[in-house]
Each structure stands twice: as C-alpha cells, then as structure tokens.
Amino acid sequence: MPAILLTVSESINGAVVSDLLNGGGAGIDMGSILNNSYGPLGPGGPSDNSGAQNAYVRHNGVNPITNFRTMIRPFGQITGFSYAGAESPNDDFTQLKNLGNASGDSKNNADGLSGGVWIDMDADVASINAFDFSNNGFDSVGGSKGGNDSVRKFGDNLIDGVTLEESFPIKGSAMVYDSGGETVASAPVDEQLGESGNTVLGDNFKAKIRAYLPDNFDKSGVLQFEWVLVYAFTT
C-alpha cells in the first residue's frame, strides 16, 4: 500500500517548512522567547495577545485521512535529525513536559505563570481570544473548560500530548481550505482532514502554536523538540 504523505507549511498550500535547524535538518524555528512572555510575538508584544506560529498541514491522498492526532516527542526520535540544543533531546522534552504541567492558564502570560508549548485548534478565532485556555481549554484530568476545547498544553498532567496514547485529537474547527483566501471548512469533523479541494472537511489543518516561558524559568539556550502528526488512511 503506498504511503500517504503530509506536507507542513507556514502558509496555506505553501512550500514545505525550510528553516535551517541547529544541527542540520529543516523545520520551524520559533525564534527567541523571553521569560514572562511567549513566542512568536506579534507586533504589539505579549499584551495584545497577537502572534503565533502558524503551521498548515495537507496530504496527497485521494480520500480523507482519519484518526488525525498530534503530540510532541524528543528531538530526532522520529526524524533522525542531529540534536544541537543546549542539553539533550530527553532533557528538552522533560523541560517541556514540566513547563506544561506547571503552567498557569493566562493566554498572553500576563501573570508570568504560563509555560510550555500550547496549540490552538480554532482556525477562525480572533487574535484577542486565541490560546484562551481559561475558557476553551481541555486537559485529561480537569476536562473541558466549557468552551470549544480547542486549546491544549503539551505536557499538561505530565502525560497530555506527549505519548501516542495521550495524543491530542485534532479539532474540526482547525480545518480550512484555499478559496483565493483562507476559508473555514463548511462541515468539518474532528480527527478528519480532506483530500485536496475538499471544502466540506477542509484540506488544510491550521495549527496555531506558541511556546511560553514563566517568569521564574532559570535556563537558557536552544531547546528542540519534534511536533508529530499521526493518522490513518485508505488508498
């Protein structure tokens, strides 16, 4: 059975991500992040809650993919890329889990307590409401915050989004398609991504990703991790 391949880009239907990473390999460089802040930042800084790393995912299959989920793993574990961060792949991974587990809920880190890597899976959310874990978050222990469950923290409870068993189901609200501009899918379904041209399910998964550092974070240097997507397919 031939493989169904995913393409990750920084714009809808764009070129594959190509930032040169420390140690070689290509991916996404999220830039520098300061304590009591997050990154990438928008032009107004952290207070206006703008700024995120957009990652669009599409596939080359002729049918929708299903069981579409996401997690993070130690750098190089799946890609085979050489690590060139400050400590080690496992140390970075442990740091991210600890940061996510200890994180506060502030979307723009206004209290200096937010930490770790977060994902917002609402493609159409206004920037002022993005990453609003207090209202739209979900975790495996506390459950839903009562909103659309689109915001997740990798490493929350030390297990959320860091293993295949606890990987995050990708929300239908993250699905878009290219109509000459970015348009939200007309009838998306959780954990499904349509084939090219599918306007009902959408043919691009739009992930908004941020990395947060709390005010008391006491380490520096390059931190590396792998963002992993898993799915089932038919040909």
C-alpha atoms as a PDB file:
ATOM      1  CA  MET A   1       0.000   0.000   0.000  1.00  0.00           C
ATOM      2  CA  PRO A   2       1.556   3.352  -0.972  1.00  0.00           C
ATOM      3  CA  ALA A   3       2.115   5.859   1.808  1.00  0.00           C
ATOM      4  CA  ILE A   4       0.028   8.987   2.196  1.00  0.00           C
ATOM      5  CA  LEU A   5       2.406  11.873   2.776  1.00  0.00           C
ATOM      6  CA  LEU A   6       1.827  15.041   4.767  1.00  0.00           C
ATOM      7  CA  THR A   7       3.216  18.456   3.889  1.00  0.00           C
ATOM      8  CA  VAL A   8       3.740  21.066   6.622  1.00  0.00           C
ATOM      9  CA  SER A   9       3.987  24.682   5.515  1.00  0.00           C
ATOM     10  CA  GLU A  10       3.828  28.129   7.088  1.00  0.00           C
ATOM     11  CA  SER A  11       1.086  29.320   4.708  1.00  0.00           C
ATOM     12  CA  ILE A  12      -1.924  27.586   3.247  1.00  0.00           C
ATOM     13  CA  ASN A  13      -0.816  25.263   0.418  1.00  0.00           C
ATOM     14  CA  GLY A  14       2.647  26.819   0.751  1.00  0.00           C
ATOM     15  CA  ALA A  15       6.146  25.406   0.387  1.00  0.00           C
ATOM     16  CA  VAL A  16       7.305  22.824   2.894  1.00  0.00           C
ATOM     17  CA  VAL A  17       8.860  24.308   6.051  1.00  0.00           C
ATOM     18  CA  SER A  18      12.520  25.010   5.450  1.00  0.00           C
ATOM     19  CA  ASP A  19      14.072  26.881   8.391  1.00  0.00           C
ATOM     20  CA  LEU A  20      17.591  25.558   8.960  1.00  0.00           C
ATOM     21  CA  LEU A  21      17.674  23.999  12.416  1.00  0.00           C
ATOM     22  CA  ASN A  22      20.628  23.763  14.788  1.00  0.00           C
ATOM     23  CA  GLY A  23      22.398  20.528  13.971  1.00  0.00           C
ATOM     24  CA  GLY A  24      21.036  20.376  10.438  1.00  0.00           C
ATOM     25  CA  GLY A  25      17.662  19.400   9.096  1.00  0.00           C
ATOM     26  CA  ALA A  26      14.788  21.667   8.155  1.00  0.00           C
ATOM     27  CA  GLY A  27      11.717  22.600  10.160  1.00  0.00           C
ATOM     28  CA  ILE A  28      10.324  25.606  12.008  1.00  0.00           C
ATOM     29  CA  ASP A  29      12.447  27.984  14.071  1.00  0.00           C
ATOM     30  CA  MET A  30      10.108  29.719  16.534  1.00  0.00           C
ATOM     31  CA  GLY A  31      12.698  32.350  17.425  1.00  0.00           C
ATOM     32  CA  SER A  32      13.799  33.692  20.788  1.00  0.00           C
ATOM     33  CA  ILE A  33      11.461  33.703  23.781  1.00  0.00           C
ATOM     34  CA  LEU A  34      11.872  35.740  26.952  1.00  0.00           C
ATOM     35  CA  ASN A  35      10.756  34.936  30.479  1.00  0.00           C
ATOM     36  CA  ASN A  36       7.276  36.194  31.330  1.00  0.00           C
ATOM     37  CA  SER A  37       6.366  36.106  27.640  1.00  0.00           C
ATOM     38  CA  TYR A  38       5.756  33.768  24.713  1.00  0.00           C
ATOM     39  CA  GLY A  39       6.772  33.389  21.118  1.00  0.00           C
ATOM     40  CA  PRO A  40       6.435  34.065  18.337  1.00  0.00           C
ATOM     41  CA  LEU A  41       5.201  37.539  19.314  1.00  0.00           C
ATOM     42  CA  GLY A  42       3.008  39.824  17.258  1.00  0.00           C
ATOM     43  CA  PRO A  43       3.883  43.491  16.623  1.00  0.00           C
ATOM     44  CA  GLY A  44       2.098  44.654  19.780  1.00  0.00           C
ATOM     45  CA  GLY A  45       4.064  42.405  22.124  1.00  0.00           C
ATOM     46  CA  PRO A  46       2.524  39.931  24.549  1.00  0.00           C
ATOM     47  CA  SER A  47      -0.153  42.231  25.952  1.00  0.00           C
ATOM     48  CA  ASP A  48      -2.285  42.353  22.775  1.00  0.00           C
ATOM     49  CA  ASN A  49      -2.276  38.531  22.500  1.00  0.00           C
ATOM     50  CA  SER A  50      -1.270  38.548  18.849  1.00  0.00           C
ATOM     51  CA  GLY A  51       1.407  36.331  17.419  1.00  0.00           C
ATOM     52  CA  ALA A  52       1.629  32.598  16.891  1.00  0.00           C
ATOM     53  CA  GLN A  53       3.457  30.122  14.712  1.00  0.00           C
ATOM     54  CA  ASN A  54       1.010  29.066  12.021  1.00  0.00           C
ATOM     55  CA  ALA A  55       1.576  25.573  10.663  1.00  0.00           C
ATOM     56  CA  TYR A  56      -0.617  24.257   7.846  1.00  0.00           C
ATOM     57  CA  VAL A  57      -0.813  20.549   7.145  1.00  0.00           C
ATOM     58  CA  ARG A  58      -2.157  18.892   3.987  1.00  0.00           C
ATOM     59  CA  HIS A  59      -1.833  15.427   2.447  1.00  0.00           C
ATOM     60  CA  ASN A  60      -1.572  13.865  -1.002  1.00  0.00           C
ATOM     61  CA  GLY A  61      -4.187  11.129  -0.624  1.00  0.00           C
ATOM     62  CA  VAL A  62      -7.343  10.770  -2.689  1.00  0.00           C
ATOM     63  CA  ASN A  63      -9.513  10.136   0.390  1.00  0.00           C
ATOM     64  CA  PRO A  64      -9.743  11.924   3.738  1.00  0.00           C
ATOM     65  CA  ILE A  65      -7.372  10.840   6.468  1.00  0.00           C
ATOM     66  CA  THR A  66      -8.850   9.887   9.836  1.00  0.00           C
ATOM     67  CA  ASN A  67      -7.790   9.378  13.454  1.00  0.00           C
ATOM     68  CA  PHE A  68      -5.764  12.557  12.981  1.00  0.00           C
ATOM     69  CA  ARG A  69      -3.914  13.421  16.189  1.00  0.00           C
ATOM     70  CA  THR A  70      -0.868  15.339  17.378  1.00  0.00           C
ATOM     71  CA  MET A  71       1.799  15.133  20.065  1.00  0.00           C
ATOM     72  CA  ILE A  72       5.376  16.197  20.775  1.00  0.00           C
ATOM     73  CA  ARG A  73       8.373  13.890  21.166  1.00  0.00           C
ATOM     74  CA  PRO A  74      12.121  14.237  21.867  1.00  0.00           C
ATOM     75  CA  PHE A  75      14.041  15.848  19.028  1.00  0.00           C
ATOM     76  CA  GLY A  76      15.466  13.432  16.475  1.00  0.00           C
ATOM     77  CA  GLN A  77      13.447  10.447  17.684  1.00  0.00           C
ATOM     78  CA  ILE A  78      11.368  10.239  14.504  1.00  0.00           C
ATOM     79  CA  THR A  79      13.160  12.492  12.007  1.00  0.00           C
ATOM     80  CA  GLY A  80      16.644  11.231  12.829  1.00  0.00           C
ATOM     81  CA  PHE A  81      17.918  14.825  12.846  1.00  0.00           C
ATOM     82  CA  SER A  82      21.079  15.553  14.840  1.00  0.00           C
ATOM     83  CA  TYR A  83      20.467  17.372  18.102  1.00  0.00           C
ATOM     84  CA  ALA A  84      22.293  20.658  18.706  1.00  0.00           C
ATOM     85  CA  GLY A  85      20.457  22.241  21.585  1.00  0.00           C
ATOM     86  CA  ALA A  86      21.687  23.296  24.999  1.00  0.00           C
ATOM     87  CA  GLU A  87      21.357  19.964  26.856  1.00  0.00           C
ATOM     88  CA  SER A  88      19.936  16.778  25.303  1.00  0.00           C
ATOM     89  CA  PRO A  89      16.769  15.695  23.484  1.00  0.00           C
ATOM     90  CA  ASN A  90      15.399  13.983  26.588  1.00  0.00           C
ATOM     91  CA  ASP A  91      16.264  16.923  28.844  1.00  0.00           C
ATOM     92  CA  ASP A  92      14.468  19.328  26.498  1.00  0.00           C
ATOM     93  CA  PHE A  93      11.467  17.004  26.349  1.00  0.00           C
ATOM     94  CA  THR A  94      11.358  16.747  30.142  1.00  0.00           C
ATOM     95  CA  GLN A  95      11.598  20.522  30.441  1.00  0.00           C
ATOM     96  CA  LEU A  96       8.654  20.978  28.097  1.00  0.00           C
ATOM     97  CA  LYS A  97       6.546  18.445  29.992  1.00  0.00           C
ATOM     98  CA  ASN A  98       7.385  20.098  33.305  1.00  0.00           C
ATOM     99  CA  LEU A  99       6.598  23.549  31.944  1.00  0.00           C
ATOM    100  CA  GLY A 100       3.272  22.396  30.541  1.00  0.00           C
ATOM    101  CA  ASN A 101       2.355  20.607  33.747  1.00  0.00           C
ATOM    102  CA  ALA A 102       3.180  23.592  35.971  1.00  0.00           C
ATOM    103  CA  SER A 103       1.719  26.170  33.588  1.00  0.00           C
ATOM    104  CA  GLY A 104      -0.857  28.741  34.504  1.00  0.00           C
ATOM    105  CA  ASP A 105      -3.763  29.466  32.164  1.00  0.00           C
ATOM    106  CA  SER A 106      -3.061  33.041  31.031  1.00  0.00           C
ATOM    107  CA  LYS A 107      -3.335  33.261  27.242  1.00  0.00           C
ATOM    108  CA  ASN A 108      -0.848  36.145  26.966  1.00  0.00           C
ATOM    109  CA  ASN A 109       1.218  35.220  30.053  1.00  0.00           C
ATOM    110  CA  ALA A 110       0.054  38.342  31.850  1.00  0.00           C
ATOM    111  CA  ASP A 111       0.753  36.755  35.239  1.00  0.00           C
ATOM    112  CA  GLY A 112       4.114  35.250  34.258  1.00  0.00           C
ATOM    113  CA  LEU A 113       2.952  31.723  35.071  1.00  0.00           C
ATOM    114  CA  SER A 114       2.254  30.266  31.624  1.00  0.00           C
ATOM    115  CA  GLY A 115       4.804  27.776  30.322  1.00  0.00           C
ATOM    116  CA  GLY A 116       5.458  25.139  27.704  1.00  0.00           C
ATOM    117  CA  VAL A 117       4.151  24.569  24.202  1.00  0.00           C
ATOM    118  CA  TRP A 118       0.463  25.245  23.574  1.00  0.00           C
ATOM    119  CA  ILE A 119      -1.682  24.629  20.496  1.00  0.00           C
ATOM    120  CA  ASP A 120      -4.881  26.445  19.471  1.00  0.00           C
ATOM    121  CA  MET A 121      -7.021  24.469  17.040  1.00  0.00           C
ATOM    122  CA  ASP A 122      -9.614  27.139  16.219  1.00  0.00           C
ATOM    123  CA  ALA A 123      -8.662  28.434  12.772  1.00  0.00           C
ATOM    124  CA  ASP A 124     -11.114  31.333  12.871  1.00  0.00           C
ATOM    125  CA  VAL A 125     -10.548  32.648  16.386  1.00  0.00           C
ATOM    126  CA  ALA A 126      -9.847  36.379  16.744  1.00  0.00           C
ATOM    127  CA  SER A 127      -6.332  37.065  17.982  1.00  0.00           C
ATOM    128  CA  ILE A 128      -7.618  38.668  21.182  1.00  0.00           C
ATOM    129  CA  ASN A 129      -9.288  35.335  22.053  1.00  0.00           C
ATOM    130  CA  ALA A 130      -6.552  32.979  20.839  1.00  0.00           C
ATOM    131  CA  PHE A 131      -4.982  30.480  23.272  1.00  0.00           C
ATOM    132  CA  ASP A 132      -7.726  31.189  25.814  1.00  0.00           C
ATOM    133  CA  PHE A 133      -7.232  28.085  27.922  1.00  0.00           C
ATOM    134  CA  SER A 134      -9.368  29.504  30.725  1.00  0.00           C
ATOM    135  CA  ASN A 135     -12.452  29.313  28.506  1.00  0.00           C
ATOM    136  CA  ASN A 136     -11.574  26.981  25.612  1.00  0.00           C
ATOM    137  CA  GLY A 137      -9.022  24.645  27.126  1.00  0.00           C
ATOM    138  CA  PHE A 138      -9.165  20.919  27.813  1.00  0.00           C
ATOM    139  CA  ASP A 139      -6.972  18.618  29.875  1.00  0.00           C
ATOM    140  CA  SER A 140      -7.162  14.930  30.675  1.00  0.00           C
ATOM    141  CA  VAL A 141      -7.651  15.468  34.412  1.00  0.00           C
ATOM    142  CA  GLY A 142      -9.803  18.583  34.662  1.00  0.00           C
ATOM    143  CA  GLY A 143     -11.679  18.026  31.413  1.00  0.00           C
ATOM    144  CA  SER A 144     -13.325  20.807  29.438  1.00  0.00           C
ATOM    145  CA  LYS A 145     -13.295  24.437  30.496  1.00  0.00           C
ATOM    146  CA  GLY A 146     -16.737  24.742  28.915  1.00  0.00           C
ATOM    147  CA  GLY A 147     -15.809  26.212  25.533  1.00  0.00           C
ATOM    148  CA  ASN A 148     -14.838  24.540  22.272  1.00  0.00           C
ATOM    149  CA  ASP A 149     -11.888  22.537  23.704  1.00  0.00           C
ATOM    150  CA  SER A 150      -9.559  23.940  21.030  1.00  0.00           C
ATOM    151  CA  VAL A 151      -6.632  24.899  23.287  1.00  0.00           C
ATOM    152  CA  ARG A 152      -4.286  22.254  24.664  1.00  0.00           C
ATOM    153  CA  LYS A 153      -0.987  22.296  26.575  1.00  0.00           C
ATOM    154  CA  PHE A 154       1.603  19.678  25.636  1.00  0.00           C
ATOM    155  CA  GLY A 155       2.790  18.031  28.846  1.00  0.00           C
ATOM    156  CA  ASP A 156      -0.168  19.047  30.997  1.00  0.00           C
ATOM    157  CA  ASN A 157      -0.502  16.485  33.810  1.00  0.00           C
ATOM    158  CA  LEU A 158       2.884  15.234  32.516  1.00  0.00           C
ATOM    159  CA  ILE A 159       1.009  12.994  30.039  1.00  0.00           C
ATOM    160  CA  ASP A 160      -1.178  15.150  27.775  1.00  0.00           C
ATOM    161  CA  GLY A 161       0.048  15.258  24.193  1.00  0.00           C
ATOM    162  CA  VAL A 162       3.394  13.558  24.836  1.00  0.00           C
ATOM    163  CA  THR A 163       2.613   9.918  24.001  1.00  0.00           C
ATOM    164  CA  LEU A 164       0.662   8.221  21.245  1.00  0.00           C
ATOM    165  CA  GLU A 165      -1.924   7.057  23.773  1.00  0.00           C
ATOM    166  CA  GLU A 166      -2.444  10.610  25.067  1.00  0.00           C
ATOM    167  CA  SER A 167      -2.022  12.436  21.753  1.00  0.00           C
ATOM    168  CA  PHE A 168      -4.460  15.272  21.105  1.00  0.00           C
ATOM    169  CA  PRO A 169      -7.382  14.690  18.719  1.00  0.00           C
ATOM    170  CA  ILE A 170      -7.248  17.374  16.053  1.00  0.00           C
ATOM    171  CA  LYS A 171     -10.390  19.501  16.122  1.00  0.00           C
ATOM    172  CA  GLY A 172     -12.653  20.096  13.153  1.00  0.00           C
ATOM    173  CA  SER A 173     -12.521  23.808  13.992  1.00  0.00           C
ATOM    174  CA  ALA A 174      -8.903  23.796  12.752  1.00  0.00           C
ATOM    175  CA  MET A 175      -9.804  22.822   9.170  1.00  0.00           C
ATOM    176  CA  VAL A 176      -9.603  25.331   6.309  1.00  0.00           C
ATOM    177  CA  TYR A 177      -9.283  25.416   2.526  1.00  0.00           C
ATOM    178  CA  ASP A 178      -7.893  27.827  -0.044  1.00  0.00           C
ATOM    179  CA  SER A 179     -10.620  29.782  -1.837  1.00  0.00           C
ATOM    180  CA  GLY A 180      -8.294  32.502  -3.034  1.00  0.00           C
ATOM    181  CA  GLY A 181      -8.141  33.331   0.643  1.00  0.00           C
ATOM    182  CA  GLU A 182      -8.335  31.182   3.724  1.00  0.00           C
ATOM    183  CA  THR A 183     -11.844  29.821   4.348  1.00  0.00           C
ATOM    184  CA  VAL A 184     -13.093  27.686   7.214  1.00  0.00           C
ATOM    185  CA  ALA A 185     -14.368  24.243   6.139  1.00  0.00           C
ATOM    186  CA  SER A 186     -18.144  24.088   5.747  1.00  0.00           C
ATOM    187  CA  ALA A 187     -18.784  20.893   7.752  1.00  0.00           C
ATOM    188  CA  PRO A 188     -15.550  19.745   9.391  1.00  0.00           C
ATOM    189  CA  VAL A 189     -15.265  16.628  11.523  1.00  0.00           C
ATOM    190  CA  ASP A 190     -12.879  16.094  14.432  1.00  0.00           C
ATOM    191  CA  GLU A 191      -9.844  13.953  13.506  1.00  0.00           C
ATOM    192  CA  GLN A 192     -10.528  14.115   9.755  1.00  0.00           C
ATOM    193  CA  LEU A 193      -8.691  16.042   7.032  1.00  0.00           C
ATOM    194  CA  GLY A 194      -9.990  16.010   3.481  1.00  0.00           C
ATOM    195  CA  GLU A 195      -8.142  15.440   0.252  1.00  0.00           C
ATOM    196  CA  SER A 196      -7.035  18.389  -1.909  1.00  0.00           C
ATOM    197  CA  GLY A 197     -10.011  20.553  -2.868  1.00  0.00           C
ATOM    198  CA  ASN A 198     -12.323  19.226  -0.163  1.00  0.00           C
ATOM    199  CA  THR A 199     -14.258  22.290   1.045  1.00  0.00           C
ATOM    200  CA  VAL A 200     -16.567  20.321   3.339  1.00  0.00           C
ATOM    201  CA  LEU A 201     -13.954  18.734   5.621  1.00  0.00           C
ATOM    202  CA  GLY A 202     -11.252  21.209   4.644  1.00  0.00           C
ATOM    203  CA  ASP A 203      -7.976  20.263   3.005  1.00  0.00           C
ATOM    204  CA  ASN A 204      -5.577  22.060   5.362  1.00  0.00           C
ATOM    205  CA  PHE A 205      -5.209  21.701   9.121  1.00  0.00           C
ATOM    206  CA  LYS A 206      -4.286  25.095  10.552  1.00  0.00           C
ATOM    207  CA  ALA A 207      -2.412  24.819  13.843  1.00  0.00           C
ATOM    208  CA  LYS A 208      -1.500  27.865  15.889  1.00  0.00           C
ATOM    209  CA  ILE A 209       1.446  27.100  18.151  1.00  0.00           C
ATOM    210  CA  ARG A 210       3.100  29.120  20.916  1.00  0.00           C
ATOM    211  CA  ALA A 211       5.914  28.458  23.355  1.00  0.00           C
ATOM    212  CA  TYR A 212       5.600  30.139  26.767  1.00  0.00           C
ATOM    213  CA  LEU A 213       8.207  30.781  29.461  1.00  0.00           C
ATOM    214  CA  PRO A 214       7.229  31.629  33.034  1.00  0.00           C
ATOM    215  CA  ASP A 215       8.866  34.455  34.920  1.00  0.00           C
ATOM    216  CA  ASN A 216      10.947  32.080  37.077  1.00  0.00           C
ATOM    217  CA  PHE A 217      12.436  29.986  34.259  1.00  0.00           C
ATOM    218  CA  ASP A 218      16.177  29.768  35.005  1.00  0.00           C
ATOM    219  CA  LYS A 219      17.692  28.104  31.923  1.00  0.00           C
ATOM    220  CA  SER A 220      18.820  29.419  28.562  1.00  0.00           C
ATOM    221  CA  GLY A 221      19.942  28.125  25.202  1.00  0.00           C
ATOM    222  CA  VAL A 222      18.353  26.347  22.277  1.00  0.00           C
ATOM    223  CA  LEU A 223      15.507  23.973  23.073  1.00  0.00           C
ATOM    224  CA  GLN A 224      14.468  21.471  20.404  1.00  0.00           C
ATOM    225  CA  PHE A 225      11.506  19.114  20.062  1.00  0.00           C
ATOM    226  CA  GLU A 226       9.545  17.277  17.385  1.00  0.00           C
ATOM    227  CA  TRP A 227       5.930  18.104  16.610  1.00  0.00           C
ATOM    228  CA  VAL A 228       4.364  14.842  15.487  1.00  0.00           C
ATOM    229  CA  LEU A 229       1.203  14.115  13.497  1.00  0.00           C
ATOM    230  CA  VAL A 230      -0.376  10.657  13.382  1.00  0.00           C
ATOM    231  CA  TYR A 231      -3.261   9.472  11.199  1.00  0.00           C
ATOM    232  CA  ALA A 232      -4.959   6.578   9.437  1.00  0.00           C
ATOM    233  CA  PHE A 233      -5.598   6.435   5.691  1.00  0.00           C
ATOM    234  CA  THR A 234      -7.033   4.377   2.859  1.00  0.00           C
ATOM    235  CA  THR A 235      -5.942   4.417  -0.777  1.00  0.00           C
END
